Structures are given as structure tokens and as C-alpha cells.
Amino acid sequence: MSTLKVGAIRGVSATSDAITIANDGTADANLTSIAGAQLSNRNLLMNGEMLVAQRSTSAVTNSTAGNNLKYETIDRWGYWANAASVFSIQQVDDSPVGFSKSLKFTSAGARSIVAGDYYMVGQGLEGGDIQHLNWGTANAKDCVLSFHVKSSLTGTFTGYLHGDDTFKPTYVFTYTILQANTWEKKDITITAPGTGQSGDFGSAGSVSKGLEVGFNLGVGTTYATTTINAWTEGFFKIGTTTSVDVVATNGATWQVTGVQFEVNDSGKPTDYEHRTFGQELALCRRYYYKSFPYSVTPARNLGNTDSIFFPVVSGYNGAIHLDISMRTAPTCTFFNPSADNGSNSSSGAGANNRSTDNGIFIEWGNVAGNSYCQLVAEADL
């Protein structure tokens, strides 16, 4: 094996060094990109290491979710399901080296797969956040999806990407789990969609879903495809008929963490871009906000401590304003912290919610006296 000893590396026509090598074996490099991508904020997905779970960290049994992703546990990671009580989903501490949390999916029975079945976990991305990919144009950029996965089952599994044109175009990819109950890292090259998919991935400034990235855990023939690793106009295609259906095995588990989706023309992913818990929480609050302490699952009658206080003077309406910037005007749910009833507040004052994407303004009905409330605001994709 030979060793090349140099002090610097410079381009043929360059006037300065691209890499300067010190005598101690370290080097300074003038980098403009990593594999064609930016140096920071490479990961287009949020909460990819499953750190934030504002709604609940406990296992939640799925309900039917057929109109959009349903979010019940880990922030920004929802599920689809055409039937209820087929699986549970939760945040767990089990993870590969370098991570602390993962999403765990557990089959609740041995589902006999029928044609219309679909069970998957995924995340929606705003159209305005992916326009630099130039997808649907002649300048479209390839991407790499990487993740750590573990399952009690082995074999060939599938995942998917959907555009915004009624769940198409679709890109179905495969990955193989070689050893049961062992963390394995997978790298998937996503070939950029060209001009044939023009206008199918949102637009500049759009806050609507422009892309969905997810994993198939069970699929029937209606939503299966034979086309893999290529874009197709098939509606809501999420897997293949030969891929592993986790829901078909009673008690089977599937876990994932460290999910990263990045612009990358090398076919090799960069190291996972870790963000702090505070950074991930701030990103997630664009889609889900709760006034409850982080570790508290929203519910009624939890007491006035740590709740929102507001006075109401007789003859006047009270008001509170929360400076929370969300994806769009959120849907707000109010909780009475003092009793287990349907009142919006402890005093019984009703809330007139006038939320916008740049804050939550709540005007309260004319009920005199001090009052307390809790709320949840949702604007997820």
C-alpha cells in the first residue's frame, strides 16, 4: 500500500488550494457542497430520529386512516390504515448506536391481506420546502433516502414516495432485512422525476403536501405495483405483492430511526444530520402545538397548574394570544383543566377561535372571573 505525501491539493486552473494538509495529519478543505447538496439542513425530513413525541410515548392501537396520514404518537410520522385495530405504534428507547429513540410498529394479529388493504407509516413534506429539488424539470436532482431498520421478520420490504397529484406519481423502492431483530442501515437512491412529472410536487411557497415519504407494512393487490425504483403514474401505489407484510404475522415488529432524505448525486448518504431536541421540537410545533407540559398527554381535568390563565371582567370578553407560527390556520381543541366535561375552560367561558398561521388568538365568552384552559392546535399534513 502506497502513501501520497503532499501539502495541498489545488485544481488545474485554480488560484488557491482546495485542500490544505497539516503536518499533524489534519486538513482544511474549502467545501461548497457535500455530494451536490448543501452543508447544513440537508435532511428534508423532520424528527427523523424519532426524538419528539408530543401526543404520546405509549403504544397506540391504530384507528382507520383513509383520507390522510393520522398522527397519534411520534411527531411528523403518521400512519395510513384501511382497517382499525390491526397494529400499534409507539416511541421506544431501543435504537442503534448513535441514536436514542425509534418508532416501533407491532402487528396486533395475523391479518389476512385483502385487495384493498394498505398499512404504512410516513411523513408529508410541504411543497414549498422541496422546490430546490427541481423535480419535474430537466434539472431534477437525484436524492438518497437512508435509515436504520429492525424487524422480527426478514426478507424484502418496500417503501414509497408520492407526489401531490392525488397520491401520484409514485416511486416504490425495496430494501432487504437480512437478520431478524438486528439493526441494519439501508441506503436507497431515489432517481429524480423528469419533465414527465412536471407540476406534480407542489410549487414555490406552497404549504400543502408536495411529497410523502413512507414505508409499507402491508398492502393488497389494489395498491401494489410491479414497477420498482422508477416513477409511475399509478394511484396510491405503496408496495409489491411479494414484499413482506408485517401485519400478516401476529406480534411481528418493525422499527425505524435515523431516517434522512437528502439531495445527493453520489448514491452514498452523508452521515445522519443530528439536530438537538429543541430544534426538532421547534420544527414539529409548526404542525402540532400543545399548551400542556411536554411530558403530559393532553386530557381534561389535569388541574390548573401549568395551564393558561386568563381573567374575564364582567361585561367584557377575555382574550389570549399565543405567538405560535404554524403551517396554516390550525384546528384547536380546548380542554377544561378543572373538570372532566366539555367546557372550553374552568369558568365555562366558551372560546371563539380566530387562529391564523401566524398565531392563535382566542376570544372568550362573557363569563366573569379568573379562568384556566389548555389547548391543542393541529395543522399537520
Protein backbone atom coordinates (compact mmCIF):
# COMPACT_ATOMS: atom_id res chain seq x y z
CA MET A 1 0.00 0.00 0.00
CA SER A 2 1.42 3.38 -1.02
CA THR A 3 1.15 6.70 0.78
CA LEU A 4 0.90 10.01 -1.09
CA LYS A 5 2.50 12.83 0.91
CA VAL A 6 1.51 16.34 -0.16
CA GLY A 7 0.98 19.69 1.50
CA ALA A 8 -2.02 20.76 -0.57
CA ILE A 9 -4.33 19.87 -3.43
CA ARG A 10 -5.32 22.51 -6.00
CA GLY A 11 -7.43 22.44 -9.14
CA VAL A 12 -5.67 22.75 -12.52
CA SER A 13 -6.82 26.32 -13.15
CA ALA A 14 -7.43 27.33 -9.51
CA THR A 15 -5.52 30.12 -7.78
CA SER A 16 -5.97 28.71 -4.27
CA ASP A 17 -5.84 25.29 -2.63
CA ALA A 18 -8.97 23.18 -2.28
CA ILE A 19 -7.37 21.11 0.49
CA THR A 20 -4.51 22.12 2.76
CA ILE A 21 -2.83 19.33 4.70
CA ALA A 22 -1.08 19.99 8.02
CA ASN A 23 1.92 18.12 9.36
CA ASP A 24 -0.18 16.56 12.14
CA GLY A 25 -2.31 14.70 9.60
CA THR A 26 -5.33 17.03 9.70
CA ALA A 27 -6.61 19.05 6.76
CA ASP A 28 -8.57 22.17 5.92
CA ALA A 29 -10.96 21.89 2.97
CA ASN A 30 -12.86 24.54 1.03
CA LEU A 31 -16.17 22.76 0.52
CA THR A 32 -19.08 24.23 -1.37
CA SER A 33 -21.31 21.17 -1.09
CA ILE A 34 -21.43 17.55 0.04
CA ALA A 35 -22.32 15.16 -2.78
CA GLY A 36 -24.02 18.06 -4.58
CA ALA A 37 -26.03 19.09 -1.51
CA GLN A 38 -25.80 21.96 0.97
CA LEU A 39 -23.59 21.65 4.04
CA SER A 40 -26.36 22.07 6.62
CA ASN A 41 -30.11 21.42 6.72
CA ARG A 42 -29.54 18.51 4.36
CA ASN A 43 -32.23 16.31 5.84
CA LEU A 44 -35.57 17.28 4.34
CA LEU A 45 -37.44 15.13 6.86
CA MET A 46 -38.26 16.29 10.38
CA ASN A 47 -37.80 14.28 13.55
CA GLY A 48 -36.05 11.53 11.63
CA GLU A 49 -34.52 10.09 14.78
CA MET A 50 -37.93 9.97 16.48
CA LEU A 51 -36.96 12.24 19.40
CA VAL A 52 -40.18 14.25 19.67
CA ALA A 53 -43.48 12.64 20.67
CA GLN A 54 -45.77 15.39 21.97
CA ARG A 55 -49.00 13.44 21.69
CA SER A 56 -47.98 10.24 23.48
CA THR A 57 -44.99 7.97 24.02
CA SER A 58 -47.18 4.98 24.88
CA ALA A 59 -48.37 2.39 22.38
CA VAL A 60 -51.48 3.48 20.46
CA THR A 61 -53.68 0.99 18.63
CA ASN A 62 -54.47 2.24 15.14
CA SER A 63 -57.84 3.51 14.03
CA THR A 64 -58.98 3.76 10.41
CA ALA A 65 -56.99 6.36 8.48
CA GLY A 66 -58.09 6.58 4.86
CA ASN A 67 -58.12 10.28 3.98
CA ASN A 68 -54.70 11.36 5.12
CA LEU A 69 -51.86 10.46 7.43
CA LYS A 70 -53.06 10.08 11.02
CA TYR A 71 -50.73 11.36 13.74
CA GLU A 72 -51.10 9.89 17.25
CA THR A 73 -47.63 9.33 18.70
CA ILE A 74 -44.30 10.49 17.25
CA ASP A 75 -44.41 13.96 15.72
CA ARG A 76 -44.43 14.21 11.93
CA TRP A 77 -44.71 10.43 11.48
CA GLY A 78 -48.26 9.37 10.77
CA TYR A 79 -49.89 6.20 9.53
CA TRP A 80 -52.39 5.03 6.94
CA ALA A 81 -54.75 2.12 7.64
CA ASN A 82 -57.89 0.92 5.90
CA ALA A 83 -58.98 -1.09 8.97
CA ALA A 84 -58.77 -0.43 12.71
CA SER A 85 -57.01 -2.42 15.45
CA VAL A 86 -54.51 -4.03 13.08
CA PHE A 87 -51.33 -2.69 14.71
CA SER A 88 -49.93 -0.46 17.43
CA ILE A 89 -47.33 2.26 17.08
CA GLN A 90 -45.13 3.97 19.66
CA GLN A 91 -41.85 5.65 20.55
CA VAL A 92 -39.35 3.31 22.22
CA ASP A 93 -35.83 3.63 23.65
CA ASP A 94 -34.44 0.77 21.55
CA SER A 95 -32.10 2.17 18.88
CA PRO A 96 -28.82 1.61 17.03
CA VAL A 97 -25.56 3.18 18.18
CA GLY A 98 -25.66 6.96 17.81
CA PHE A 99 -29.42 7.24 18.36
CA SER A 100 -31.68 7.12 21.42
CA LYS A 101 -35.23 6.56 20.13
CA SER A 102 -37.06 4.68 17.41
CA LEU A 103 -40.56 4.22 16.05
CA LYS A 104 -41.92 0.75 16.77
CA PHE A 105 -44.75 -0.82 14.78
CA THR A 106 -46.27 -4.04 16.20
CA SER A 107 -48.80 -6.27 14.43
CA ALA A 108 -51.85 -6.91 16.59
CA GLY A 109 -52.83 -10.14 14.81
CA ALA A 110 -52.29 -12.22 11.70
CA ARG A 111 -54.06 -10.09 9.10
CA SER A 112 -55.33 -11.97 6.05
CA ILE A 113 -54.41 -9.44 3.38
CA VAL A 114 -57.29 -8.47 1.07
CA ALA A 115 -57.12 -6.48 -2.16
CA GLY A 116 -57.93 -3.10 -0.61
CA ASP A 117 -55.52 -3.28 2.32
CA TYR A 118 -52.95 -0.56 2.99
CA TYR A 119 -50.90 -0.10 6.17
CA MET A 120 -47.97 2.24 6.17
CA VAL A 121 -46.01 4.84 8.12
CA GLY A 122 -44.87 8.09 6.51
CA GLN A 123 -44.28 11.82 6.57
CA GLY A 124 -45.66 14.59 4.37
CA LEU A 125 -43.44 17.45 3.15
CA GLU A 126 -44.63 20.90 2.21
CA GLY A 127 -44.39 21.69 -1.49
CA GLY A 128 -42.52 24.92 -0.83
CA ASP A 129 -39.79 23.03 1.03
CA ILE A 130 -38.81 20.77 -1.86
CA GLN A 131 -38.67 23.14 -4.83
CA HIS A 132 -34.87 23.18 -4.79
CA LEU A 133 -35.05 19.53 -5.92
CA ASN A 134 -36.32 20.81 -9.29
CA TRP A 135 -38.36 17.64 -9.61
CA GLY A 136 -40.49 17.54 -12.74
CA THR A 137 -37.94 19.56 -14.70
CA ALA A 138 -34.89 18.90 -16.84
CA ASN A 139 -32.73 19.98 -13.88
CA ALA A 140 -34.20 17.48 -11.39
CA LYS A 141 -31.78 16.30 -8.70
CA ASP A 142 -31.34 12.71 -7.51
CA CYS A 143 -31.75 12.07 -3.79
CA VAL A 144 -30.75 9.44 -1.26
CA LEU A 145 -33.03 8.05 1.44
CA SER A 146 -31.19 6.37 4.32
CA PHE A 147 -32.49 4.82 7.53
CA HIS A 148 -31.81 2.28 10.26
CA VAL A 149 -34.36 -0.53 10.41
CA LYS A 150 -35.01 -3.60 12.57
CA SER A 151 -37.70 -6.26 12.35
CA SER A 152 -38.62 -9.63 13.79
CA LEU A 153 -39.11 -10.68 10.15
CA THR A 154 -36.60 -10.97 7.33
CA GLY A 155 -36.95 -10.64 3.58
CA THR A 156 -37.71 -7.93 1.04
CA PHE A 157 -39.67 -4.92 2.30
CA THR A 158 -40.93 -1.88 0.41
CA GLY A 159 -41.29 1.86 0.84
CA TYR A 160 -42.73 4.62 -1.31
CA LEU A 161 -42.76 8.27 -2.36
CA HIS A 162 -45.92 10.03 -3.56
CA GLY A 163 -46.31 13.31 -5.40
CA ASP A 164 -49.16 15.76 -4.84
CA ASP A 165 -51.27 14.80 -7.86
CA THR A 166 -53.81 12.68 -5.95
CA PHE A 167 -51.15 10.38 -4.46
CA LYS A 168 -49.20 10.13 -7.68
CA PRO A 169 -46.75 9.93 -9.28
CA THR A 170 -45.42 7.05 -7.17
CA TYR A 171 -41.95 5.67 -6.61
CA VAL A 172 -41.77 2.27 -4.87
CA PHE A 173 -38.41 1.04 -3.61
CA THR A 174 -37.28 -2.20 -1.98
CA TYR A 175 -34.85 -2.99 0.82
CA THR A 176 -33.84 -6.30 2.37
CA ILE A 177 -33.62 -7.14 6.08
CA LEU A 178 -31.07 -9.92 6.38
CA GLN A 179 -31.16 -10.77 10.08
CA ALA A 180 -34.11 -10.72 12.47
CA ASN A 181 -34.10 -8.40 15.49
CA THR A 182 -30.90 -6.69 14.40
CA TRP A 183 -30.41 -3.05 13.44
CA GLU A 184 -29.35 -2.64 9.81
CA LYS A 185 -28.72 0.55 7.82
CA LYS A 186 -30.26 0.93 4.38
CA ASP A 187 -29.39 3.41 1.61
CA ILE A 188 -31.85 3.98 -1.23
CA THR A 189 -31.11 6.08 -4.32
CA ILE A 190 -34.20 7.96 -5.48
CA THR A 191 -33.90 8.76 -9.18
CA ALA A 192 -35.22 12.25 -9.87
CA PRO A 193 -38.53 12.52 -11.76
CA GLY A 194 -38.09 14.42 -15.02
CA THR A 195 -40.32 16.57 -17.19
CA GLY A 196 -42.93 13.82 -17.45
CA GLN A 197 -43.93 14.64 -13.87
CA SER A 198 -43.96 18.41 -14.29
CA GLY A 199 -46.04 20.23 -11.68
CA ASP A 200 -46.60 17.12 -9.54
CA PHE A 201 -44.57 18.19 -6.50
CA GLY A 202 -46.11 21.40 -5.24
CA SER A 203 -44.94 24.91 -6.00
CA ALA A 204 -42.83 27.69 -4.54
CA GLY A 205 -44.30 28.93 -1.28
CA SER A 206 -46.89 26.15 -1.11
CA VAL A 207 -47.75 24.93 2.41
CA SER A 208 -49.75 21.98 1.06
CA LYS A 209 -48.29 18.49 0.78
CA GLY A 210 -45.93 18.25 -2.19
CA LEU A 211 -44.38 14.90 -1.36
CA GLU A 212 -44.87 11.98 1.01
CA VAL A 213 -42.11 9.56 2.03
CA GLY A 214 -43.04 6.35 3.79
CA PHE A 215 -42.75 2.65 4.48
CA ASN A 216 -45.20 -0.12 3.58
CA LEU A 217 -46.13 -2.60 6.33
CA GLY A 218 -48.95 -4.38 4.50
CA VAL A 219 -50.55 -3.99 1.07
CA GLY A 220 -53.25 -5.65 -1.03
CA THR A 221 -53.26 -6.06 -4.78
CA THR A 222 -55.20 -2.82 -5.41
CA TYR A 223 -52.32 -0.68 -4.16
CA ALA A 224 -49.41 -2.92 -5.21
CA THR A 225 -47.23 -2.47 -8.27
CA THR A 226 -44.66 -4.45 -10.21
CA THR A 227 -42.70 -1.31 -11.06
CA ILE A 228 -39.91 -0.62 -8.57
CA ASN A 229 -37.17 2.02 -8.41
CA ALA A 230 -38.90 4.10 -11.08
CA TRP A 231 -41.62 6.74 -11.19
CA THR A 232 -45.07 5.68 -12.33
CA GLU A 233 -48.45 7.36 -12.64
CA GLY A 234 -50.15 4.58 -10.68
CA PHE A 235 -52.55 5.84 -7.99
CA PHE A 236 -51.51 5.29 -4.35
CA LYS A 237 -49.02 2.51 -5.04
CA ILE A 238 -47.09 1.65 -1.88
CA GLY A 239 -45.50 -1.79 -2.33
CA THR A 240 -45.46 -5.10 -4.17
CA THR A 241 -47.42 -8.31 -3.71
CA THR A 242 -44.20 -10.17 -2.93
CA SER A 243 -42.87 -7.81 -0.25
CA VAL A 244 -43.11 -8.64 3.46
CA ASP A 245 -46.46 -7.76 5.05
CA VAL A 246 -45.67 -7.15 8.73
CA VAL A 247 -49.37 -7.08 9.66
CA ALA A 248 -49.79 -10.64 8.38
CA THR A 249 -47.76 -12.08 11.28
CA ASN A 250 -49.16 -11.90 14.80
CA GLY A 251 -46.84 -9.98 17.11
CA ALA A 252 -44.37 -9.12 14.33
CA THR A 253 -42.41 -5.92 14.92
CA TRP A 254 -40.77 -3.33 12.66
CA GLN A 255 -38.72 -0.38 13.89
CA VAL A 256 -37.08 2.58 12.20
CA THR A 257 -34.94 5.58 13.13
CA GLY A 258 -32.30 7.86 11.64
CA VAL A 259 -34.41 8.49 8.55
CA GLN A 260 -32.72 11.01 6.26
CA PHE A 261 -33.81 12.24 2.82
CA GLU A 262 -31.26 14.46 1.09
CA VAL A 263 -30.21 15.84 -2.26
CA ASN A 264 -27.32 13.59 -3.22
CA ASP A 265 -25.90 12.65 -6.61
CA SER A 266 -23.30 10.21 -5.30
CA GLY A 267 -25.65 7.38 -4.34
CA LYS A 268 -23.99 7.28 -0.92
CA PRO A 269 -25.68 9.03 2.01
CA THR A 270 -23.91 11.51 4.22
CA ASP A 271 -23.84 10.83 7.96
CA TYR A 272 -27.14 11.45 9.69
CA GLU A 273 -27.64 15.15 10.40
CA HIS A 274 -28.41 15.22 14.12
CA ARG A 275 -30.42 18.17 15.38
CA THR A 276 -30.93 19.00 19.05
CA PHE A 277 -34.19 18.10 20.76
CA GLY A 278 -35.04 21.81 20.94
CA GLN A 279 -34.52 22.24 17.20
CA GLU A 280 -36.68 19.23 16.36
CA LEU A 281 -39.40 20.34 18.78
CA ALA A 282 -39.48 23.82 17.23
CA LEU A 283 -39.83 22.31 13.74
CA CYS A 284 -42.60 19.96 14.89
CA ARG A 285 -44.57 22.78 16.52
CA ARG A 286 -45.25 24.20 13.07
CA TYR A 287 -47.63 21.24 12.73
CA TYR A 288 -48.69 20.42 16.29
CA TYR A 289 -48.70 22.59 19.40
CA LYS A 290 -49.97 21.86 22.89
CA SER A 291 -50.11 24.11 25.93
CA PHE A 292 -49.61 21.12 28.22
CA PRO A 293 -46.10 20.33 29.55
CA TYR A 294 -44.17 18.23 27.06
CA SER A 295 -44.42 15.00 29.05
CA VAL A 296 -48.18 15.30 29.65
CA THR A 297 -50.65 13.66 27.26
CA PRO A 298 -53.50 16.14 26.57
CA ALA A 299 -56.63 15.39 28.60
CA ARG A 300 -59.30 17.11 30.69
CA ASN A 301 -59.28 17.62 34.45
CA LEU A 302 -55.50 17.58 34.95
CA GLY A 303 -55.50 20.63 37.22
CA ASN A 304 -54.91 24.34 36.73
CA THR A 305 -51.16 24.14 37.36
CA ASP A 306 -49.22 24.80 34.15
CA SER A 307 -52.41 25.72 32.28
CA ILE A 308 -53.21 29.01 30.51
CA PHE A 309 -54.64 31.67 32.83
CA PHE A 310 -56.88 34.48 31.64
CA PRO A 311 -59.13 36.93 33.54
CA VAL A 312 -62.60 37.84 32.31
CA VAL A 313 -64.19 41.07 33.60
CA SER A 314 -67.97 41.23 33.86
CA GLY A 315 -69.40 42.87 30.78
CA TYR A 316 -66.29 42.24 28.65
CA ASN A 317 -64.80 39.38 26.74
CA GLY A 318 -61.43 37.99 27.76
CA ALA A 319 -58.74 37.12 25.25
CA ILE A 320 -55.42 35.30 24.97
CA HIS A 321 -52.88 35.31 22.17
CA LEU A 322 -50.27 32.62 21.54
CA ASP A 323 -47.46 33.63 19.23
CA ILE A 324 -47.15 30.25 17.51
CA SER A 325 -46.38 30.22 13.78
CA MET A 326 -47.94 27.14 12.20
CA ARG A 327 -48.19 25.71 8.69
CA THR A 328 -51.71 27.04 8.26
CA ALA A 329 -54.56 28.18 10.50
CA PRO A 330 -54.75 25.27 12.98
CA THR A 331 -57.69 23.31 14.26
CA CYS A 332 -57.87 23.97 18.01
CA THR A 333 -59.22 21.64 20.69
CA PHE A 334 -59.81 23.04 24.17
CA PHE A 335 -59.61 21.22 27.49
CA ASN A 336 -61.13 22.17 30.85
CA PRO A 337 -58.31 21.64 33.38
CA SER A 338 -60.67 21.74 36.35
CA ALA A 339 -63.35 19.18 35.44
CA ASP A 340 -63.97 16.25 33.13
CA ASN A 341 -66.56 17.92 30.93
CA GLY A 342 -66.85 19.51 27.53
CA SER A 343 -66.29 23.09 28.65
CA ASN A 344 -63.55 25.06 26.95
CA SER A 345 -62.30 26.47 30.26
CA SER A 346 -62.58 26.19 34.04
CA SER A 347 -65.08 29.06 34.23
CA GLY A 348 -67.26 27.68 31.45
CA ALA A 349 -66.34 30.54 29.14
CA GLY A 350 -66.64 29.48 25.51
CA ALA A 351 -63.79 30.04 23.05
CA ASN A 352 -64.17 31.91 19.79
CA ASN A 353 -61.07 30.69 17.99
CA ARG A 354 -59.66 33.13 15.46
CA SER A 355 -56.44 31.28 14.66
CA THR A 356 -54.18 32.13 11.76
CA ASP A 357 -50.91 30.67 10.54
CA ASN A 358 -49.09 33.42 12.44
CA GLY A 359 -50.63 32.97 15.87
CA ILE A 360 -53.58 31.73 17.86
CA PHE A 361 -55.97 34.43 19.06
CA ILE A 362 -58.81 33.26 21.28
CA GLU A 363 -61.66 35.45 22.40
CA TRP A 364 -63.61 34.14 25.36
CA GLY A 365 -67.29 34.49 26.13
CA ASN A 366 -68.54 36.93 28.77
CA VAL A 367 -68.14 34.91 31.98
CA ALA A 368 -66.72 36.99 34.84
CA GLY A 369 -63.80 35.78 36.96
CA ASN A 370 -60.46 34.09 36.62
CA SER A 371 -60.32 31.17 34.26
CA TYR A 372 -57.95 28.48 33.06
CA CYS A 373 -57.72 26.39 29.92
CA GLN A 374 -55.49 24.05 27.96
CA LEU A 375 -55.44 23.59 24.21
CA VAL A 376 -54.04 21.61 21.31
CA ALA A 377 -53.53 23.17 17.87
CA GLU A 378 -53.09 20.93 14.82
CA ALA A 379 -52.02 21.84 11.28
CA ASP A 380 -50.31 18.64 10.12
CA LEU A 381 -50.11 17.36 6.58
